[in-house]
Amino acid sequence: MIGSLRGILINKNPESILLDVNGVGYELEVPASTLCLLPPSNQETYIYVLTHVREDAIRLFGFISHFDKKVFQELISVSGVGPKAALALLGSVDGHDLCEIINCGQIAKLTAIPGIGPKTAERLILELKTKVQKLLARHKDDVEIQKSNITKNIAGSIITENKITQKIEQKIIRRQIVEDLKSGLTNLGYKDKQFTEVVNSFEQRMQLGEEITLEVALKEALCKLSERILQKN
């Protein structure tokens, strides 16, 4: 079973990445929270891997931290939660934040994630609360491992603390833009189900490195939503 891989990042898209390890290309499905912390293409990276074996397929799931990998394993152990739903859960927030949400029983935050209904959210809290408490208790060590892996570049040298801080700040900014965009569209009278797909598309574009301001996102979103309304009429 493959537990981790170190190689050159060849390609990345919102659903997966291609990692070249000594001439062999491994396609890994990754959550958005991992995708936004990966280096640019053609640089070396280290990925924790979960090998998921089924009768009809073998799938590889990649994570920037061992902690996120363990959270993913716990998620797919819950009845009714498959890999797709688990990736979605880890896409909006990282493993630590998700554990906090489950531990605090915040059903509203779980159901805000596409594909997660009230019954699934309740099941996650019921079955995983004790388990995530144990994971959170060991989170400090995992943070140090994650920080070590993120800071290594292709030459094996260490990226400065400023660059790590910058990545974290960029992640916070992206989250704030998404939340402000949702709030702005809600204030204009749009319902969640009307703009969720549009907002998700902006989030994916920003995770892939595109710089988008709130003003631009709001303007484009309104155009797209207006076009959809006109098409329906």
C-alpha atoms as a PDB file:
ATOM      1  CA  MET A   1       0.000   0.000   0.000  1.00  0.00           C
ATOM      2  CA  ILE A   2       1.268   3.500  -0.815  1.00  0.00           C
ATOM      3  CA  GLY A   3       1.479   5.655   2.334  1.00  0.00           C
ATOM      4  CA  SER A   4       3.307   8.713   0.996  1.00  0.00           C
ATOM      5  CA  LEU A   5       5.045  10.015  -2.120  1.00  0.00           C
ATOM      6  CA  ARG A   6       7.745  12.565  -2.855  1.00  0.00           C
ATOM      7  CA  GLY A   7       8.044  13.778  -6.427  1.00  0.00           C
ATOM      8  CA  ILE A   8       7.683  16.563  -8.962  1.00  0.00           C
ATOM      9  CA  LEU A   9       4.265  18.161  -9.237  1.00  0.00           C
ATOM     10  CA  ILE A  10       3.445  17.939 -12.950  1.00  0.00           C
ATOM     11  CA  ASN A  11      -0.119  19.147 -13.045  1.00  0.00           C
ATOM     12  CA  LYS A  12      -2.928  20.147 -10.704  1.00  0.00           C
ATOM     13  CA  ASN A  13      -6.631  20.856 -11.146  1.00  0.00           C
ATOM     14  CA  PRO A  14      -9.535  21.294  -8.705  1.00  0.00           C
ATOM     15  CA  GLU A  15     -10.035  17.530  -8.314  1.00  0.00           C
ATOM     16  CA  SER A  16      -6.606  15.928  -8.610  1.00  0.00           C
ATOM     17  CA  ILE A  17      -2.870  16.295  -9.131  1.00  0.00           C
ATOM     18  CA  LEU A  18      -0.285  14.394 -11.164  1.00  0.00           C
ATOM     19  CA  LEU A  19       2.933  13.609  -9.309  1.00  0.00           C
ATOM     20  CA  ASP A  20       6.053  12.325 -11.108  1.00  0.00           C
ATOM     21  CA  VAL A  21       8.007   9.946  -8.866  1.00  0.00           C
ATOM     22  CA  ASN A  22      11.164   8.739 -10.611  1.00  0.00           C
ATOM     23  CA  GLY A  23       9.452   8.711 -13.997  1.00  0.00           C
ATOM     24  CA  VAL A  24       6.179   7.165 -12.828  1.00  0.00           C
ATOM     25  CA  GLY A  25       3.135   9.413 -12.805  1.00  0.00           C
ATOM     26  CA  TYR A  26       0.736   9.042  -9.873  1.00  0.00           C
ATOM     27  CA  GLU A  27      -2.699  10.632 -10.114  1.00  0.00           C
ATOM     28  CA  LEU A  28      -3.923  11.641  -6.665  1.00  0.00           C
ATOM     29  CA  GLU A  29      -7.341  12.949  -5.716  1.00  0.00           C
ATOM     30  CA  VAL A  30      -6.903  15.800  -3.249  1.00  0.00           C
ATOM     31  CA  PRO A  31      -9.186  18.099  -1.227  1.00  0.00           C
ATOM     32  CA  ALA A  32      -9.146  21.821  -1.981  1.00  0.00           C
ATOM     33  CA  SER A  33      -7.516  22.540   1.394  1.00  0.00           C
ATOM     34  CA  THR A  34      -4.476  20.517   0.272  1.00  0.00           C
ATOM     35  CA  LEU A  35      -4.487  21.918  -3.259  1.00  0.00           C
ATOM     36  CA  CYS A  36      -4.100  25.522  -2.133  1.00  0.00           C
ATOM     37  CA  LEU A  37      -0.974  24.683  -0.086  1.00  0.00           C
ATOM     38  CA  LEU A  38       0.882  22.842  -2.850  1.00  0.00           C
ATOM     39  CA  PRO A  39       3.852  24.498  -4.615  1.00  0.00           C
ATOM     40  CA  PRO A  40       3.722  25.601  -8.270  1.00  0.00           C
ATOM     41  CA  SER A  41       4.026  22.985 -11.022  1.00  0.00           C
ATOM     42  CA  ASN A  42       7.478  21.512 -11.720  1.00  0.00           C
ATOM     43  CA  GLN A  43       8.516  21.762  -8.074  1.00  0.00           C
ATOM     44  CA  GLU A  44       9.018  18.932  -5.618  1.00  0.00           C
ATOM     45  CA  THR A  45       6.418  18.181  -3.008  1.00  0.00           C
ATOM     46  CA  TYR A  46       5.696  15.561  -0.359  1.00  0.00           C
ATOM     47  CA  ILE A  47       2.213  14.078  -0.102  1.00  0.00           C
ATOM     48  CA  TYR A  48       0.673  11.714   2.426  1.00  0.00           C
ATOM     49  CA  VAL A  49      -1.306   9.096   0.542  1.00  0.00           C
ATOM     50  CA  LEU A  50      -4.278   6.904   1.381  1.00  0.00           C
ATOM     51  CA  THR A  51      -4.646   3.908  -0.944  1.00  0.00           C
ATOM     52  CA  HIS A  52      -8.340   3.112  -1.261  1.00  0.00           C
ATOM     53  CA  VAL A  53      -8.919  -0.368  -2.689  1.00  0.00           C
ATOM     54  CA  ARG A  54     -12.311  -1.515  -3.955  1.00  0.00           C
ATOM     55  CA  GLU A  55     -13.334  -4.457  -6.107  1.00  0.00           C
ATOM     56  CA  ASP A  56     -13.667  -2.285  -9.189  1.00  0.00           C
ATOM     57  CA  ALA A  57     -10.979   0.349  -8.608  1.00  0.00           C
ATOM     58  CA  ILE A  58      -7.868   1.472  -6.767  1.00  0.00           C
ATOM     59  CA  ARG A  59      -7.857   5.170  -5.913  1.00  0.00           C
ATOM     60  CA  LEU A  60      -5.100   7.288  -4.378  1.00  0.00           C
ATOM     61  CA  PHE A  61      -5.998  10.223  -2.154  1.00  0.00           C
ATOM     62  CA  GLY A  62      -3.359  12.810  -1.293  1.00  0.00           C
ATOM     63  CA  PHE A  63      -3.043  15.142   1.698  1.00  0.00           C
ATOM     64  CA  ILE A  64      -0.578  17.846   2.705  1.00  0.00           C
ATOM     65  CA  SER A  65      -0.576  16.600   6.303  1.00  0.00           C
ATOM     66  CA  HIS A  66      -0.755  13.261   8.072  1.00  0.00           C
ATOM     67  CA  PHE A  67      -3.476  14.779  10.262  1.00  0.00           C
ATOM     68  CA  ASP A  68      -5.758  15.467   7.282  1.00  0.00           C
ATOM     69  CA  LYS A  69      -5.151  11.910   6.070  1.00  0.00           C
ATOM     70  CA  LYS A  70      -6.277  10.514   9.432  1.00  0.00           C
ATOM     71  CA  VAL A  71      -9.360  12.744   9.428  1.00  0.00           C
ATOM     72  CA  PHE A  72     -10.222  11.506   5.921  1.00  0.00           C
ATOM     73  CA  GLN A  73      -9.932   7.903   7.130  1.00  0.00           C
ATOM     74  CA  GLU A  74     -12.315   8.617   9.989  1.00  0.00           C
ATOM     75  CA  LEU A  75     -14.788  10.365   7.670  1.00  0.00           C
ATOM     76  CA  ILE A  76     -15.092   7.464   5.215  1.00  0.00           C
ATOM     77  CA  SER A  77     -15.625   5.076   8.133  1.00  0.00           C
ATOM     78  CA  VAL A  78     -18.988   6.740   8.755  1.00  0.00           C
ATOM     79  CA  SER A  79     -21.943   5.039   7.088  1.00  0.00           C
ATOM     80  CA  GLY A  80     -23.139   7.023   4.071  1.00  0.00           C
ATOM     81  CA  VAL A  81     -19.956   9.092   3.763  1.00  0.00           C
ATOM     82  CA  GLY A  82     -17.898   8.062   0.739  1.00  0.00           C
ATOM     83  CA  PRO A  83     -14.612   9.488  -0.571  1.00  0.00           C
ATOM     84  CA  LYS A  84     -16.384  12.182  -2.599  1.00  0.00           C
ATOM     85  CA  ALA A  85     -18.243  13.540   0.427  1.00  0.00           C
ATOM     86  CA  ALA A  86     -15.102  13.264   2.572  1.00  0.00           C
ATOM     87  CA  LEU A  87     -13.112  15.306   0.040  1.00  0.00           C
ATOM     88  CA  ALA A  88     -15.871  17.928   0.018  1.00  0.00           C
ATOM     89  CA  LEU A  89     -15.785  18.102   3.820  1.00  0.00           C
ATOM     90  CA  LEU A  90     -12.021  18.642   3.766  1.00  0.00           C
ATOM     91  CA  GLY A  91     -12.283  21.052   0.847  1.00  0.00           C
ATOM     92  CA  SER A  92     -13.893  23.946   2.677  1.00  0.00           C
ATOM     93  CA  VAL A  93     -11.729  23.660   5.807  1.00  0.00           C
ATOM     94  CA  ASP A  94      -8.611  21.771   6.843  1.00  0.00           C
ATOM     95  CA  GLY A  95      -8.678  18.711   9.074  1.00  0.00           C
ATOM     96  CA  HIS A  96      -8.197  20.637  12.305  1.00  0.00           C
ATOM     97  CA  ASP A  97     -11.034  23.084  11.619  1.00  0.00           C
ATOM     98  CA  LEU A  98     -13.326  20.245  10.562  1.00  0.00           C
ATOM     99  CA  CYS A  99     -12.595  18.371  13.784  1.00  0.00           C
ATOM    100  CA  GLU A 100     -13.460  21.513  15.752  1.00  0.00           C
ATOM    101  CA  ILE A 101     -16.753  21.827  13.854  1.00  0.00           C
ATOM    102  CA  ILE A 102     -17.659  18.202  14.568  1.00  0.00           C
ATOM    103  CA  ASN A 103     -16.520  18.425  18.187  1.00  0.00           C
ATOM    104  CA  CYS A 104     -18.669  21.525  18.746  1.00  0.00           C
ATOM    105  CA  GLY A 105     -21.671  19.921  17.030  1.00  0.00           C
ATOM    106  CA  GLN A 106     -22.050  22.704  14.471  1.00  0.00           C
ATOM    107  CA  ILE A 107     -24.592  21.082  12.158  1.00  0.00           C
ATOM    108  CA  ALA A 108     -25.239  24.317  10.216  1.00  0.00           C
ATOM    109  CA  LYS A 109     -21.602  24.527   9.109  1.00  0.00           C
ATOM    110  CA  LEU A 110     -21.598  20.882   8.019  1.00  0.00           C
ATOM    111  CA  THR A 111     -24.834  21.161   6.018  1.00  0.00           C
ATOM    112  CA  ALA A 112     -23.459  24.267   4.277  1.00  0.00           C
ATOM    113  CA  ILE A 113     -21.003  21.940   2.510  1.00  0.00           C
ATOM    114  CA  PRO A 114     -22.377  20.620  -0.827  1.00  0.00           C
ATOM    115  CA  GLY A 115     -23.595  17.026  -0.554  1.00  0.00           C
ATOM    116  CA  ILE A 116     -23.915  17.001   3.243  1.00  0.00           C
ATOM    117  CA  GLY A 117     -27.506  16.857   4.482  1.00  0.00           C
ATOM    118  CA  PRO A 118     -28.834  17.172   8.058  1.00  0.00           C
ATOM    119  CA  LYS A 119     -28.937  13.396   8.651  1.00  0.00           C
ATOM    120  CA  THR A 120     -25.341  12.925   7.473  1.00  0.00           C
ATOM    121  CA  ALA A 121     -24.210  15.877   9.592  1.00  0.00           C
ATOM    122  CA  GLU A 122     -25.873  14.415  12.675  1.00  0.00           C
ATOM    123  CA  ARG A 123     -24.306  11.018  11.964  1.00  0.00           C
ATOM    124  CA  LEU A 124     -20.848  12.581  11.643  1.00  0.00           C
ATOM    125  CA  ILE A 125     -21.191  14.303  14.988  1.00  0.00           C
ATOM    126  CA  LEU A 126     -22.621  11.226  16.710  1.00  0.00           C
ATOM    127  CA  GLU A 127     -20.022   8.766  15.402  1.00  0.00           C
ATOM    128  CA  LEU A 128     -16.907  10.944  15.294  1.00  0.00           C
ATOM    129  CA  LYS A 129     -17.091  13.338  18.234  1.00  0.00           C
ATOM    130  CA  THR A 130     -15.046  11.145  20.571  1.00  0.00           C
ATOM    131  CA  LYS A 131     -12.594  10.217  17.814  1.00  0.00           C
ATOM    132  CA  VAL A 132     -11.946  13.819  16.750  1.00  0.00           C
ATOM    133  CA  GLN A 133     -11.347  14.816  20.362  1.00  0.00           C
ATOM    134  CA  LYS A 134      -8.475  12.321  20.433  1.00  0.00           C
ATOM    135  CA  LEU A 135      -7.188  13.609  17.097  1.00  0.00           C
ATOM    136  CA  LEU A 136      -7.276  17.200  18.324  1.00  0.00           C
ATOM    137  CA  ALA A 137      -5.335  16.216  21.427  1.00  0.00           C
ATOM    138  CA  ARG A 138      -2.500  15.008  19.174  1.00  0.00           C
ATOM    139  CA  HIS A 139      -2.814  17.853  16.676  1.00  0.00           C
ATOM    140  CA  LYS A 140       0.200  19.807  17.957  1.00  0.00           C
ATOM    141  CA  ASP A 141       2.649  17.147  16.775  1.00  0.00           C
ATOM    142  CA  ASP A 142       0.948  16.876  13.383  1.00  0.00           C
ATOM    143  CA  VAL A 143       1.191  20.644  12.889  1.00  0.00           C
ATOM    144  CA  GLU A 144       4.950  20.438  13.299  1.00  0.00           C
ATOM    145  CA  ILE A 145       5.151  17.626  10.719  1.00  0.00           C
ATOM    146  CA  GLN A 146       2.949  19.564   8.308  1.00  0.00           C
ATOM    147  CA  LYS A 147       5.046  22.698   8.709  1.00  0.00           C
ATOM    148  CA  SER A 148       8.228  20.719   8.021  1.00  0.00           C
ATOM    149  CA  ASN A 149       6.835  19.227   4.809  1.00  0.00           C
ATOM    150  CA  ILE A 150       5.427  22.482   3.456  1.00  0.00           C
ATOM    151  CA  THR A 151       8.716  24.283   3.972  1.00  0.00           C
ATOM    152  CA  LYS A 152      10.784  21.937   1.754  1.00  0.00           C
ATOM    153  CA  ASN A 153      11.261  22.934  -1.883  1.00  0.00           C
ATOM    154  CA  ILE A 154      12.722  21.073  -4.870  1.00  0.00           C
ATOM    155  CA  ALA A 155      16.336  21.564  -3.773  1.00  0.00           C
ATOM    156  CA  GLY A 156      15.574  20.384  -0.260  1.00  0.00           C
ATOM    157  CA  SER A 157      16.191  23.850   1.140  1.00  0.00           C
ATOM    158  CA  ILE A 158      13.874  25.615   3.525  1.00  0.00           C
ATOM    159  CA  ILE A 159      11.408  28.247   2.406  1.00  0.00           C
ATOM    160  CA  THR A 160      11.445  31.238   4.726  1.00  0.00           C
ATOM    161  CA  GLU A 161       8.870  31.653   7.474  1.00  0.00           C
ATOM    162  CA  ASN A 162       7.634  34.727   5.619  1.00  0.00           C
ATOM    163  CA  LYS A 163       6.549  32.598   2.674  1.00  0.00           C
ATOM    164  CA  ILE A 164       4.711  30.179   4.950  1.00  0.00           C
ATOM    165  CA  THR A 165       2.972  33.102   6.613  1.00  0.00           C
ATOM    166  CA  GLN A 166       2.130  34.529   3.203  1.00  0.00           C
ATOM    167  CA  LYS A 167       0.462  31.268   2.128  1.00  0.00           C
ATOM    168  CA  ILE A 168      -1.620  31.208   5.286  1.00  0.00           C
ATOM    169  CA  GLU A 169      -2.603  34.850   4.808  1.00  0.00           C
ATOM    170  CA  GLN A 170      -3.595  34.169   1.194  1.00  0.00           C
ATOM    171  CA  LYS A 171      -5.760  31.266   2.334  1.00  0.00           C
ATOM    172  CA  ILE A 172      -7.484  33.512   4.893  1.00  0.00           C
ATOM    173  CA  ILE A 173      -8.045  36.205   2.252  1.00  0.00           C
ATOM    174  CA  ARG A 174      -9.580  33.660  -0.152  1.00  0.00           C
ATOM    175  CA  ARG A 175     -11.936  32.415   2.541  1.00  0.00           C
ATOM    176  CA  GLN A 176     -12.954  35.983   3.395  1.00  0.00           C
ATOM    177  CA  ILE A 177     -13.680  36.815  -0.259  1.00  0.00           C
ATOM    178  CA  VAL A 178     -15.863  33.716  -0.553  1.00  0.00           C
ATOM    179  CA  GLU A 179     -17.768  34.547   2.645  1.00  0.00           C
ATOM    180  CA  ASP A 180     -18.209  38.205   1.608  1.00  0.00           C
ATOM    181  CA  LEU A 181     -19.392  37.122  -1.842  1.00  0.00           C
ATOM    182  CA  LYS A 182     -21.999  34.804  -0.305  1.00  0.00           C
ATOM    183  CA  SER A 183     -23.113  37.568   2.059  1.00  0.00           C
ATOM    184  CA  GLY A 184     -23.350  40.107  -0.767  1.00  0.00           C
ATOM    185  CA  LEU A 185     -25.458  37.824  -2.963  1.00  0.00           C
ATOM    186  CA  THR A 186     -27.702  36.942  -0.018  1.00  0.00           C
ATOM    187  CA  ASN A 187     -28.257  40.628   0.729  1.00  0.00           C
ATOM    188  CA  LEU A 188     -29.242  41.123  -2.913  1.00  0.00           C
ATOM    189  CA  GLY A 189     -31.994  38.539  -2.515  1.00  0.00           C
ATOM    190  CA  TYR A 190     -30.369  35.415  -3.970  1.00  0.00           C
ATOM    191  CA  LYS A 191     -30.792  32.037  -2.256  1.00  0.00           C
ATOM    192  CA  ASP A 192     -27.924  29.674  -1.411  1.00  0.00           C
ATOM    193  CA  LYS A 193     -29.032  27.109  -3.985  1.00  0.00           C
ATOM    194  CA  GLN A 194     -28.963  29.782  -6.693  1.00  0.00           C
ATOM    195  CA  PHE A 195     -25.393  30.923  -6.171  1.00  0.00           C
ATOM    196  CA  THR A 196     -23.567  27.954  -4.590  1.00  0.00           C
ATOM    197  CA  GLU A 197     -22.221  26.632  -7.905  1.00  0.00           C
ATOM    198  CA  VAL A 198     -21.097  30.110  -9.014  1.00  0.00           C
ATOM    199  CA  VAL A 199     -19.339  30.829  -5.717  1.00  0.00           C
ATOM    200  CA  ASN A 200     -17.628  27.425  -5.763  1.00  0.00           C
ATOM    201  CA  SER A 201     -16.229  28.172  -9.228  1.00  0.00           C
ATOM    202  CA  PHE A 202     -14.596  31.382  -7.952  1.00  0.00           C
ATOM    203  CA  GLU A 203     -13.163  29.513  -4.953  1.00  0.00           C
ATOM    204  CA  GLN A 204     -11.614  26.870  -7.223  1.00  0.00           C
ATOM    205  CA  ARG A 205     -10.113  29.524  -9.503  1.00  0.00           C
ATOM    206  CA  MET A 206      -8.492  31.275  -6.534  1.00  0.00           C
ATOM    207  CA  GLN A 207      -7.154  27.974  -5.190  1.00  0.00           C
ATOM    208  CA  LEU A 208      -5.432  27.452  -8.546  1.00  0.00           C
ATOM    209  CA  GLY A 209      -3.661  30.792  -8.157  1.00  0.00           C
ATOM    210  CA  GLU A 210      -5.934  33.256  -9.972  1.00  0.00           C
ATOM    211  CA  GLU A 211      -6.129  36.640  -8.244  1.00  0.00           C
ATOM    212  CA  ILE A 212      -9.758  37.728  -7.928  1.00  0.00           C
ATOM    213  CA  THR A 213     -11.020  40.709  -5.944  1.00  0.00           C
ATOM    214  CA  LEU A 214     -14.402  40.757  -4.225  1.00  0.00           C
ATOM    215  CA  GLU A 215     -15.598  43.488  -6.602  1.00  0.00           C
ATOM    216  CA  VAL A 216     -14.712  41.450  -9.690  1.00  0.00           C
ATOM    217  CA  ALA A 217     -16.193  38.268  -8.233  1.00  0.00           C
ATOM    218  CA  LEU A 218     -19.459  40.000  -7.320  1.00  0.00           C
ATOM    219  CA  LYS A 219     -19.777  41.627 -10.744  1.00  0.00           C
ATOM    220  CA  GLU A 220     -19.128  38.345 -12.603  1.00  0.00           C
ATOM    221  CA  ALA A 221     -21.421  36.407 -10.282  1.00  0.00           C
ATOM    222  CA  LEU A 222     -24.304  38.831 -10.859  1.00  0.00           C
ATOM    223  CA  CYS A 223     -23.820  38.567 -14.632  1.00  0.00           C
ATOM    224  CA  LYS A 224     -23.875  34.766 -14.511  1.00  0.00           C
ATOM    225  CA  LEU A 225     -26.923  34.652 -12.248  1.00  0.00           C
ATOM    226  CA  SER A 226     -28.770  37.173 -14.424  1.00  0.00           C
ATOM    227  CA  GLU A 227     -28.021  35.084 -17.522  1.00  0.00           C
ATOM    228  CA  ARG A 228     -29.409  31.977 -15.839  1.00  0.00           C
ATOM    229  CA  ILE A 229     -32.597  33.756 -14.848  1.00  0.00           C
ATOM    230  CA  LEU A 230     -33.070  35.046 -18.407  1.00  0.00           C
ATOM    231  CA  GLN A 231     -32.509  31.575 -19.847  1.00  0.00           C
ATOM    232  CA  LYS A 232     -35.151  30.101 -17.551  1.00  0.00           C
ATOM    233  CA  ASN A 233     -37.622  32.776 -18.621  1.00  0.00           C
END
